[in-house]
Amino acid sequence: SAGVGAPEYGALRGPPRPSLAHVLNLISEAVIKPFNKAVASSKKVGDSGEGGADAELDSDEELVSQSDDEADDGSSDVADHEDDAFSQSLHPSQDQDTEDDRLIRQALASRHIAYFPTAESSTEKRKAASKNQSDDPRSALKPTAEAQAGSCEVGVQIRQLAWFARKLRYNVRLRISFQQTCSNFELPRPHTLIRDVATRWNSTFQMINRALVLWDAIVSWQEHNHKIVPAKFRIRRTHKSGVEQIVSLLKPLDDATFKFSAKKTPTIGDVLGTYEELDAHFRAVEENDDVGEVWREAARRASAVAAEYYGLTDDSIVYYLAVMLHPQMKRRFMEVMGWEASWMDRAEQTLRETFDSHYRSDEPESQNQSQERSQEQTSKPITFLEKQLRHAAEKEAAQPFPPPPGRC
């Protein structure tokens, strides 16, 4: 909730909503889950390709019991020692957060965007057929065959990385061999892969991002150890462009999660700035004709979930106040971003009324406090908001001056 907490500030309260960190995870799930589910669906219909049956896929528990971690060299990431957590990519059927799925489906259904098909019994299908689909978020548009095929291909590549990361995690001998390959390529440390686990937000992005850093070593090691890696789990050099696209799509979410998990508490104005940045990022992917349809569709899903929760900020006046009081926002920023005039007028009116009711004082602010705040602001890195305002100022400066009155 955005409320302040004191009884006299009840007007600043809003209905309970997911935290921004939770919303960022929902957006990430909206991007990633259809890839994983597409692989699972292809297995159910008997696909014998790369995403087919998993005869070679041991359970996490079996690998833990078979591991030789007593000889661990200590080079693994601390965050990767979650042996009890399952891989989201290797076991998508176990990744059943029904509440998160409901929230994502609701956001996508309201904008007529496909998610992934749900496993329904014949009874459920008959009920769905006799019910208005618009009333049921589970009945959102189904992905097209082309989108399903593209998602399956991406999902297989993510799955291959997850399999290899887990293989190295539970076999010290193979891990040391892989680390030597990383050293031969003079790649930056750490020379370990990260597992994607359901208990850690953004772990799929972190796994893929680390794999991209160590890409040359991964491909080379697998080419020289092809008997250890089953063909369907073998990572190809041609997969790199897809991996890069996933990282590009998800990196703003990881950056925002890190920002809002830092020790210094971000302001509510930063929340709005984050939504604006995400909107610009995903919209650019949606409108890029040079990007494959599978990525544009993923960006649409991400954009829809972000828009759903950005729109809910209207429920509490605290967000109006945050915009008007944020040093990088105020009315100028709203004009640059093309916000509606009625929203800007309401924000100004809300600020005046709240100030008159609770904060008006004839005592001026001390000079020391003003200087401290100014220094604190200049020490921060350039934000998305500042970039937008600077860009607007540069465009205005480049405009020619109007001719004096009476001259042609």
Protein backbone atom coordinates (compact mmCIF):
# COMPACT_ATOMS: atom_id res chain seq x y z
CA SER A 1 0.00 0.00 0.00
CA ALA A 2 1.14 3.55 -0.68
CA GLY A 3 -0.31 4.99 2.51
CA VAL A 4 1.72 6.93 5.05
CA GLY A 5 0.31 5.17 8.08
CA ALA A 6 -0.80 7.96 10.43
CA PRO A 7 -4.61 8.29 10.86
CA GLU A 8 -4.68 11.93 9.76
CA TYR A 9 -3.12 10.96 6.44
CA GLY A 10 -5.76 8.41 5.52
CA ALA A 11 -6.36 10.24 2.24
CA LEU A 12 -2.88 9.19 1.12
CA ARG A 13 -3.70 5.52 1.44
CA GLY A 14 -4.54 3.30 -1.48
CA PRO A 15 -5.84 -0.27 -1.75
CA PRO A 16 -3.26 -3.03 -1.17
CA ARG A 17 -1.22 -3.73 -4.29
CA PRO A 18 1.80 -5.92 -5.09
CA SER A 19 5.12 -4.24 -4.35
CA LEU A 20 7.10 -2.96 -7.32
CA ALA A 21 9.60 -5.81 -6.85
CA HIS A 22 6.69 -8.26 -7.14
CA VAL A 23 5.37 -6.47 -10.24
CA LEU A 24 8.82 -6.65 -11.83
CA ASN A 25 8.82 -10.40 -11.21
CA LEU A 26 5.35 -10.70 -12.75
CA ILE A 27 6.60 -8.93 -15.87
CA SER A 28 9.60 -11.26 -16.04
CA GLU A 29 7.34 -14.30 -15.65
CA ALA A 30 5.07 -13.01 -18.41
CA VAL A 31 8.09 -13.03 -20.71
CA ILE A 32 9.76 -16.29 -19.64
CA LYS A 33 6.94 -18.68 -18.72
CA PRO A 34 5.42 -19.00 -22.22
CA PHE A 35 8.85 -20.11 -23.47
CA ASN A 36 9.09 -22.85 -20.84
CA LYS A 37 5.44 -23.87 -21.20
CA ALA A 38 5.79 -24.12 -24.98
CA VAL A 39 8.51 -26.74 -24.51
CA ALA A 40 6.33 -28.65 -22.04
CA SER A 41 3.39 -28.53 -24.48
CA SER A 42 5.50 -29.88 -27.33
CA LYS A 43 6.52 -32.82 -25.12
CA LYS A 44 2.88 -33.60 -24.31
CA VAL A 45 1.99 -33.93 -27.98
CA GLY A 46 4.87 -36.33 -28.56
CA ASP A 47 7.50 -34.04 -30.07
CA SER A 48 10.66 -36.09 -30.39
CA GLY A 49 12.91 -33.14 -31.25
CA GLU A 50 15.24 -31.24 -28.96
CA GLY A 51 12.43 -30.53 -26.55
CA GLY A 52 11.18 -34.10 -26.52
CA ALA A 53 11.17 -36.77 -23.83
CA ASP A 54 13.60 -36.41 -20.96
CA ALA A 55 15.08 -39.85 -20.53
CA GLU A 56 18.47 -38.34 -19.66
CA LEU A 57 17.03 -35.75 -17.27
CA ASP A 58 17.66 -36.84 -13.69
CA SER A 59 15.73 -35.15 -10.93
CA ASP A 60 17.43 -32.49 -8.85
CA GLU A 61 17.21 -34.77 -5.82
CA GLU A 62 19.03 -37.59 -7.66
CA LEU A 63 21.79 -35.25 -8.74
CA VAL A 64 22.21 -33.96 -5.18
CA SER A 65 22.69 -37.52 -3.93
CA GLN A 66 25.13 -38.28 -6.75
CA SER A 67 27.15 -35.07 -6.41
CA ASP A 68 30.71 -34.97 -5.19
CA ASP A 69 30.42 -31.62 -3.41
CA GLU A 70 32.61 -32.80 -0.58
CA ALA A 71 35.43 -32.03 -3.01
CA ASP A 72 33.92 -28.68 -3.92
CA ASP A 73 36.55 -26.14 -4.90
CA GLY A 74 34.54 -23.33 -3.30
CA SER A 75 34.21 -21.35 -6.51
CA SER A 76 30.44 -21.64 -6.89
CA ASP A 77 28.24 -18.62 -6.37
CA VAL A 78 26.77 -18.40 -2.89
CA ALA A 79 23.33 -17.83 -4.39
CA ASP A 80 23.66 -21.05 -6.36
CA HIS A 81 23.77 -23.36 -3.31
CA GLU A 82 19.99 -23.81 -3.24
CA ASP A 83 19.96 -27.56 -3.72
CA ASP A 84 16.36 -27.93 -2.57
CA ALA A 85 15.06 -25.51 -5.23
CA PHE A 86 13.98 -26.85 -8.61
CA SER A 87 14.83 -25.32 -11.96
CA GLN A 88 12.01 -23.31 -13.52
CA SER A 89 13.19 -24.18 -17.02
CA LEU A 90 13.77 -27.90 -16.46
CA HIS A 91 10.59 -28.46 -14.43
CA PRO A 92 7.98 -25.94 -15.69
CA SER A 93 5.13 -28.16 -14.51
CA GLN A 94 6.30 -27.71 -10.90
CA ASP A 95 6.43 -23.92 -11.26
CA GLN A 96 2.78 -23.47 -10.32
CA ASP A 97 2.23 -20.10 -8.66
CA THR A 98 -1.47 -19.91 -9.38
CA GLU A 99 -1.89 -16.42 -7.92
CA ASP A 100 0.90 -14.96 -10.05
CA ASP A 101 -0.49 -16.71 -13.11
CA ARG A 102 -3.93 -15.30 -12.36
CA LEU A 103 -2.56 -11.76 -12.11
CA ILE A 104 -0.63 -12.11 -15.35
CA ARG A 105 -3.57 -13.63 -17.23
CA GLN A 106 -5.85 -10.89 -15.97
CA ALA A 107 -3.50 -8.18 -17.24
CA LEU A 108 -3.06 -9.85 -20.63
CA ALA A 109 -6.73 -10.74 -21.11
CA SER A 110 -7.80 -7.14 -20.54
CA ARG A 111 -5.60 -6.17 -23.51
CA HIS A 112 -6.41 -9.24 -25.65
CA ILE A 113 -2.86 -10.57 -25.56
CA ALA A 114 -2.11 -14.30 -25.57
CA TYR A 115 -0.32 -15.99 -22.68
CA PHE A 116 0.06 -19.79 -22.86
CA PRO A 117 -2.58 -22.54 -22.94
CA THR A 118 -3.58 -24.06 -19.62
CA ALA A 119 -4.00 -27.78 -19.09
CA GLU A 120 -7.77 -28.29 -18.82
CA SER A 121 -9.83 -31.38 -18.28
CA SER A 122 -12.68 -32.22 -20.66
CA THR A 123 -15.14 -30.98 -18.03
CA GLU A 124 -13.33 -27.63 -17.76
CA LYS A 125 -13.30 -27.31 -21.54
CA ARG A 126 -17.07 -27.85 -21.74
CA LYS A 127 -17.62 -25.24 -19.04
CA ALA A 128 -15.35 -22.79 -20.83
CA ALA A 129 -17.22 -23.31 -24.09
CA SER A 130 -20.53 -22.40 -22.47
CA LYS A 131 -19.12 -19.38 -20.65
CA ASN A 132 -18.35 -15.93 -21.93
CA GLN A 133 -14.59 -16.00 -22.43
CA SER A 134 -14.16 -12.34 -21.54
CA ASP A 135 -15.27 -13.14 -17.98
CA ASP A 136 -12.48 -15.65 -17.42
CA PRO A 137 -8.80 -14.61 -17.52
CA ARG A 138 -7.87 -18.27 -18.14
CA SER A 139 -9.67 -18.00 -21.46
CA ALA A 140 -7.42 -15.28 -22.83
CA LEU A 141 -6.38 -15.49 -26.47
CA LYS A 142 -4.35 -18.58 -27.31
CA PRO A 143 -0.93 -18.14 -28.96
CA THR A 144 -0.80 -18.64 -32.71
CA ALA A 145 0.96 -21.72 -34.08
CA GLU A 146 3.83 -19.50 -35.25
CA ALA A 147 4.19 -17.87 -31.84
CA GLN A 148 4.01 -21.25 -30.14
CA ALA A 149 6.76 -22.65 -32.38
CA GLY A 150 9.00 -19.63 -31.82
CA SER A 151 8.44 -19.77 -28.07
CA CYS A 152 9.29 -23.47 -28.07
CA GLU A 153 12.58 -22.80 -29.85
CA VAL A 154 13.55 -20.12 -27.32
CA GLY A 155 12.39 -22.31 -24.45
CA VAL A 156 14.60 -25.17 -25.63
CA GLN A 157 17.64 -22.88 -25.63
CA ILE A 158 16.90 -21.69 -22.09
CA ARG A 159 16.39 -25.31 -21.06
CA GLN A 160 19.77 -26.30 -22.51
CA LEU A 161 21.50 -23.62 -20.44
CA ALA A 162 19.63 -24.70 -17.32
CA TRP A 163 20.62 -28.33 -17.88
CA PHE A 164 24.30 -27.45 -18.32
CA ALA A 165 24.33 -25.13 -15.29
CA ARG A 166 22.86 -27.89 -13.16
CA LYS A 167 25.24 -30.50 -14.59
CA LEU A 168 28.26 -28.43 -13.58
CA ARG A 169 26.75 -27.58 -10.21
CA TYR A 170 26.65 -31.22 -9.14
CA ASN A 171 29.89 -32.47 -10.71
CA VAL A 172 33.08 -30.88 -9.42
CA ARG A 173 35.29 -32.67 -11.93
CA LEU A 174 33.33 -31.28 -14.87
CA ARG A 175 33.10 -27.87 -13.26
CA ILE A 176 36.86 -27.62 -12.81
CA SER A 177 37.34 -28.66 -16.43
CA PHE A 178 34.90 -25.97 -17.55
CA GLN A 179 36.61 -23.33 -15.41
CA GLN A 180 39.92 -24.20 -17.05
CA THR A 181 38.30 -23.62 -20.44
CA CYS A 182 37.08 -20.21 -19.22
CA SER A 183 40.64 -19.38 -18.14
CA ASN A 184 41.97 -20.42 -21.54
CA PHE A 185 39.62 -17.91 -23.14
CA GLU A 186 40.64 -15.29 -20.53
CA LEU A 187 37.00 -14.68 -19.64
CA PRO A 188 36.06 -12.53 -16.63
CA ARG A 189 35.41 -14.28 -13.32
CA PRO A 190 33.49 -15.93 -11.77
CA HIS A 191 33.82 -18.93 -14.06
CA THR A 192 30.64 -20.59 -12.83
CA LEU A 193 27.15 -20.74 -14.27
CA ILE A 194 24.09 -19.73 -12.26
CA ARG A 195 21.09 -22.03 -11.90
CA ASP A 196 17.57 -20.72 -12.46
CA VAL A 197 15.59 -21.65 -9.37
CA ALA A 198 12.01 -20.90 -8.42
CA THR A 199 12.99 -19.45 -5.04
CA ARG A 200 14.98 -16.55 -6.49
CA TRP A 201 13.51 -13.74 -8.56
CA ASN A 202 15.30 -12.94 -11.83
CA SER A 203 17.32 -16.15 -11.59
CA THR A 204 16.51 -17.06 -15.21
CA PHE A 205 17.89 -13.72 -16.39
CA GLN A 206 20.96 -14.12 -14.18
CA MET A 207 21.59 -17.60 -15.56
CA ILE A 208 21.30 -16.42 -19.17
CA ASN A 209 23.30 -13.25 -18.59
CA ARG A 210 26.18 -15.18 -16.99
CA ALA A 211 26.06 -17.72 -19.81
CA LEU A 212 26.42 -14.92 -22.35
CA VAL A 213 29.57 -13.69 -20.59
CA LEU A 214 31.03 -17.23 -20.68
CA TRP A 215 29.55 -18.12 -24.07
CA ASP A 216 32.78 -18.97 -25.91
CA ALA A 217 33.86 -21.33 -23.13
CA ILE A 218 30.43 -23.02 -22.99
CA VAL A 219 30.33 -23.78 -26.70
CA SER A 220 33.97 -24.85 -26.88
CA TRP A 221 33.72 -27.10 -23.81
CA GLN A 222 30.60 -28.83 -25.12
CA GLU A 223 32.14 -29.33 -28.56
CA HIS A 224 35.13 -31.07 -26.96
CA ASN A 225 32.96 -33.10 -24.55
CA HIS A 226 30.08 -34.03 -26.83
CA LYS A 227 29.77 -37.51 -25.33
CA ILE A 228 28.90 -36.00 -21.94
CA VAL A 229 26.22 -33.65 -23.28
CA PRO A 230 23.18 -35.29 -24.96
CA ALA A 231 22.46 -33.85 -28.39
CA LYS A 232 19.17 -32.26 -27.33
CA PHE A 233 20.90 -30.36 -24.52
CA ARG A 234 23.85 -29.23 -26.64
CA ILE A 235 24.23 -25.47 -27.02
CA ARG A 236 24.93 -24.26 -30.56
CA ARG A 237 26.96 -21.25 -31.60
CA THR A 238 23.94 -20.04 -33.57
CA HIS A 239 21.93 -19.77 -30.34
CA LYS A 240 23.88 -16.72 -29.22
CA SER A 241 21.65 -14.17 -30.95
CA GLY A 242 18.60 -15.55 -29.14
CA VAL A 243 20.40 -15.45 -25.81
CA GLU A 244 21.43 -11.84 -26.45
CA GLN A 245 17.82 -10.94 -27.26
CA ILE A 246 16.56 -12.42 -23.98
CA VAL A 247 19.18 -10.48 -22.01
CA SER A 248 18.30 -7.27 -23.84
CA LEU A 249 14.60 -7.78 -23.14
CA LEU A 250 14.95 -8.59 -19.43
CA LYS A 251 17.88 -6.40 -18.35
CA PRO A 252 15.77 -3.32 -17.44
CA LEU A 253 13.77 -5.54 -15.07
CA ASP A 254 16.91 -6.83 -13.38
CA ASP A 255 18.33 -3.30 -13.11
CA ALA A 256 15.11 -2.03 -11.54
CA THR A 257 14.95 -4.97 -9.10
CA PHE A 258 18.51 -4.24 -8.01
CA LYS A 259 17.74 -0.55 -7.63
CA PHE A 260 14.69 -1.12 -5.44
CA SER A 261 16.54 -3.71 -3.36
CA ALA A 262 19.40 -1.35 -2.53
CA LYS A 263 20.02 -0.02 0.96
CA LYS A 264 18.96 3.51 0.03
CA THR A 265 15.18 3.46 -0.23
CA PRO A 266 13.99 4.75 -3.64
CA THR A 267 11.23 7.34 -3.68
CA ILE A 268 7.70 6.87 -4.98
CA GLY A 269 8.67 9.16 -7.84
CA ASP A 270 11.30 6.59 -8.79
CA VAL A 271 8.50 4.01 -9.05
CA LEU A 272 6.75 6.11 -11.69
CA GLY A 273 10.02 6.75 -13.47
CA THR A 274 10.65 3.01 -13.60
CA TYR A 275 7.24 2.38 -15.16
CA GLU A 276 7.92 5.05 -17.78
CA GLU A 277 11.31 3.54 -18.58
CA LEU A 278 9.88 0.02 -18.90
CA ASP A 279 7.07 1.30 -21.12
CA ALA A 280 9.55 2.99 -23.46
CA HIS A 281 11.79 -0.09 -23.54
CA PHE A 282 9.11 -2.66 -24.33
CA ARG A 283 7.29 -0.38 -26.76
CA ALA A 284 10.53 0.05 -28.74
CA VAL A 285 10.81 -3.74 -29.08
CA GLU A 286 7.14 -4.08 -30.07
CA GLU A 287 7.54 -1.52 -32.85
CA ASN A 288 10.88 -2.84 -34.16
CA ASP A 289 10.20 -4.67 -37.44
CA ASP A 290 13.77 -6.00 -37.46
CA VAL A 291 13.03 -8.10 -34.36
CA GLY A 292 11.42 -11.52 -34.66
CA GLU A 293 7.73 -11.92 -33.87
CA VAL A 294 8.49 -14.12 -30.85
CA TRP A 295 10.34 -11.20 -29.23
CA ARG A 296 7.72 -8.62 -30.16
CA GLU A 297 5.06 -10.88 -28.65
CA ALA A 298 7.14 -11.25 -25.47
CA ALA A 299 7.48 -7.46 -25.30
CA ARG A 300 3.70 -7.10 -25.67
CA ARG A 301 3.17 -9.40 -22.71
CA ALA A 302 5.67 -7.47 -20.62
CA SER A 303 4.21 -4.12 -21.64
CA ALA A 304 0.67 -5.25 -20.81
CA VAL A 305 1.57 -6.35 -17.27
CA ALA A 306 3.55 -3.16 -16.65
CA ALA A 307 0.67 -1.03 -17.95
CA GLU A 308 -1.81 -2.87 -15.73
CA TYR A 309 0.01 -1.90 -12.55
CA TYR A 310 1.12 1.52 -13.75
CA GLY A 311 -2.56 2.33 -14.29
CA LEU A 312 -3.37 1.31 -10.72
CA THR A 313 -1.23 4.14 -9.36
CA ASP A 314 -4.20 6.43 -10.06
CA ASP A 315 -5.97 4.81 -7.09
CA SER A 316 -3.88 6.74 -4.56
CA ILE A 317 -3.18 10.47 -4.54
CA VAL A 318 0.27 9.78 -3.13
CA TYR A 319 1.48 9.18 -6.70
CA TYR A 320 0.16 12.56 -7.81
CA LEU A 321 2.12 14.14 -4.97
CA ALA A 322 5.22 12.13 -5.83
CA VAL A 323 5.26 13.44 -9.40
CA MET A 324 4.78 17.05 -8.37
CA LEU A 325 7.42 16.91 -5.62
CA HIS A 326 10.05 14.86 -7.45
CA PRO A 327 12.94 17.20 -8.43
CA GLN A 328 13.20 15.58 -11.88
CA MET A 329 9.47 15.47 -12.62
CA LYS A 330 6.94 18.17 -11.78
CA ARG A 331 4.69 19.48 -14.55
CA ARG A 332 7.55 19.85 -17.00
CA PHE A 333 8.18 16.10 -17.05
CA MET A 334 4.48 15.35 -17.48
CA GLU A 335 4.40 17.62 -20.52
CA VAL A 336 7.49 15.96 -22.01
CA MET A 337 5.96 12.49 -21.55
CA GLY A 338 2.69 13.60 -23.16
CA TRP A 339 0.44 13.03 -20.15
CA GLU A 340 -3.16 14.21 -20.31
CA ALA A 341 -3.85 17.80 -19.26
CA SER A 342 -6.56 16.65 -16.84
CA TRP A 343 -4.04 14.42 -15.04
CA MET A 344 -1.56 17.29 -14.75
CA ASP A 345 -4.22 19.67 -13.45
CA ARG A 346 -5.40 17.11 -10.91
CA ALA A 347 -1.82 16.54 -9.73
CA GLU A 348 -1.28 20.26 -9.16
CA GLN A 349 -4.60 20.64 -7.36
CA THR A 350 -3.88 17.61 -5.15
CA LEU A 351 -0.52 19.06 -4.17
CA ARG A 352 -2.00 22.43 -3.24
CA GLU A 353 -4.79 20.90 -1.17
CA THR A 354 -2.48 18.50 0.67
CA PHE A 355 0.07 21.22 1.37
CA ASP A 356 -2.55 23.63 2.68
CA SER A 357 -4.10 20.94 4.89
CA HIS A 358 -0.99 19.39 6.44
CA TYR A 359 2.27 21.17 5.67
CA ARG A 360 1.84 24.93 5.30
CA SER A 361 4.29 26.76 7.53
CA ASP A 362 5.67 30.29 7.62
CA GLU A 363 9.10 29.05 8.78
CA PRO A 364 11.57 29.02 5.82
CA GLU A 365 13.84 26.06 5.13
CA SER A 366 17.39 26.52 6.39
CA GLN A 367 20.15 27.13 3.84
CA ASN A 368 22.16 24.13 5.08
CA GLN A 369 19.29 21.73 4.36
CA SER A 370 18.90 23.11 0.85
CA GLN A 371 22.61 22.70 0.12
CA GLU A 372 22.69 19.14 1.46
CA ARG A 373 19.81 18.11 -0.76
CA SER A 374 21.38 19.75 -3.78
CA GLN A 375 24.66 17.89 -3.24
CA GLU A 376 22.83 14.59 -2.78
CA GLN A 377 20.97 15.05 -6.08
CA THR A 378 24.12 15.86 -8.08
CA SER A 379 25.89 12.73 -6.80
CA LYS A 380 23.29 10.38 -8.29
CA PRO A 381 23.74 8.78 -11.75
CA ILE A 382 21.72 10.10 -14.67
CA THR A 383 18.27 8.54 -14.66
CA PHE A 384 15.77 7.82 -17.41
CA LEU A 385 13.80 10.88 -16.32
CA GLU A 386 16.81 13.18 -16.65
CA LYS A 387 17.60 11.80 -20.08
CA GLN A 388 14.06 12.51 -21.28
CA LEU A 389 14.13 16.07 -19.94
CA ARG A 390 17.55 16.78 -21.42
CA HIS A 391 16.42 15.40 -24.77
CA ALA A 392 13.37 17.68 -24.69
CA ALA A 393 15.53 20.68 -23.79
CA GLU A 394 17.92 19.93 -26.66
CA LYS A 395 15.02 19.69 -29.12
CA GLU A 396 13.66 23.03 -27.94
CA ALA A 397 17.10 24.66 -28.19
CA ALA A 398 17.45 23.42 -31.77
CA GLN A 399 14.19 25.08 -32.83
CA PRO A 400 14.68 28.35 -34.78
CA PHE A 401 13.50 31.53 -33.11
CA PRO A 402 10.20 32.87 -34.50
CA PRO A 403 10.54 35.97 -36.70
CA PRO A 404 9.80 39.34 -35.06
CA PRO A 405 6.24 40.66 -35.50
CA GLY A 406 5.65 42.41 -38.81
CA ARG A 407 8.42 40.62 -40.71
CA CYS A 408 8.22 37.79 -43.23
